[in-house]
Amino acid sequence: MIAQAELLTAFDNGEWYSHPPGAGSNPSDNDVYLLVHLAQKLDSDGLPAIMMIVGETETSCYIGYSDNS
């Protein structure tokens, strides 16, 4: 029963990492590409993609949905 519950609740739906010192938490072109790719991949499971970017003085979170939803 616990294993079944874990399968239903444990999933990877995003990425997080830090930008180099001096950089903010705005997404780069590569970040946007990755978020779109994750959103498309997770669409079949009905999940959004989540990206957290940690800059030197700020943290931002982005949520991506596929156009197919």
Protein backbone atom coordinates (compact mmCIF):
# COMPACT_ATOMS: atom_id res chain seq x y z
CA MET A 1 0.00 0.00 0.00
CA ILE A 2 2.82 2.47 0.84
CA ALA A 3 4.69 1.67 -2.37
CA GLN A 4 1.53 2.38 -4.39
CA ALA A 5 1.04 5.70 -2.58
CA GLU A 6 4.66 6.67 -3.31
CA LEU A 7 4.16 5.94 -7.00
CA LEU A 8 1.17 8.25 -7.06
CA THR A 9 2.82 11.12 -5.20
CA ALA A 10 6.56 11.01 -5.96
CA PHE A 11 7.45 12.61 -9.27
CA ASP A 12 10.05 14.93 -10.75
CA ASN A 13 8.37 17.90 -12.32
CA GLY A 14 11.03 20.55 -12.43
CA GLU A 15 14.57 21.75 -12.06
CA TRP A 16 16.41 24.17 -9.83
CA TYR A 17 19.96 25.50 -9.82
CA SER A 18 21.85 28.67 -9.09
CA HIS A 19 23.08 31.27 -11.53
CA PRO A 20 26.69 32.47 -11.22
CA PRO A 21 27.62 35.30 -8.83
CA GLY A 22 26.42 38.67 -10.08
CA ALA A 23 23.62 37.17 -12.17
CA GLY A 24 19.97 37.66 -11.33
CA SER A 25 17.27 35.06 -11.32
CA ASN A 26 15.79 35.93 -14.71
CA PRO A 27 15.70 32.94 -17.07
CA SER A 28 18.25 32.72 -19.86
CA ASP A 29 17.28 31.52 -23.35
CA ASN A 30 18.48 28.05 -22.34
CA ASP A 31 16.32 28.18 -19.20
CA VAL A 32 13.23 29.04 -21.26
CA TYR A 33 14.01 26.20 -23.70
CA LEU A 34 14.37 23.74 -20.81
CA LEU A 35 11.13 24.88 -19.19
CA VAL A 36 9.23 24.46 -22.47
CA HIS A 37 10.79 21.02 -22.99
CA LEU A 38 9.85 19.92 -19.45
CA ALA A 39 6.30 21.25 -19.85
CA GLN A 40 5.84 19.26 -23.06
CA LYS A 41 7.28 16.12 -21.49
CA LEU A 42 5.12 16.37 -18.36
CA ASP A 43 1.94 17.24 -20.28
CA SER A 44 1.08 13.55 -20.76
CA ASP A 45 0.95 13.20 -16.96
CA GLY A 46 -1.14 16.35 -16.59
CA LEU A 47 1.61 18.10 -14.64
CA PRO A 48 3.18 21.55 -15.04
CA ALA A 49 6.93 22.04 -15.21
CA ILE A 50 8.49 24.01 -12.38
CA MET A 51 11.81 25.85 -12.53
CA MET A 52 13.45 27.64 -9.62
CA ILE A 53 16.41 29.90 -10.32
CA VAL A 54 18.51 31.20 -7.44
CA GLY A 55 20.43 34.37 -8.19
CA GLU A 56 22.87 36.19 -5.94
CA THR A 57 20.21 38.34 -4.27
CA GLU A 58 16.91 36.91 -5.48
CA THR A 59 15.07 33.68 -6.20
CA SER A 60 12.44 33.20 -8.89
CA CYS A 61 10.05 30.37 -9.66
CA TYR A 62 8.53 29.70 -13.07
CA ILE A 63 5.69 27.37 -13.98
CA GLY A 64 5.36 26.05 -17.52
CA TYR A 65 2.31 24.45 -19.12
CA SER A 66 2.17 22.77 -22.50
CA ASP A 67 0.06 24.37 -25.24
CA ASN A 68 -1.60 20.97 -25.62
CA SER A 69 -3.34 21.18 -22.22
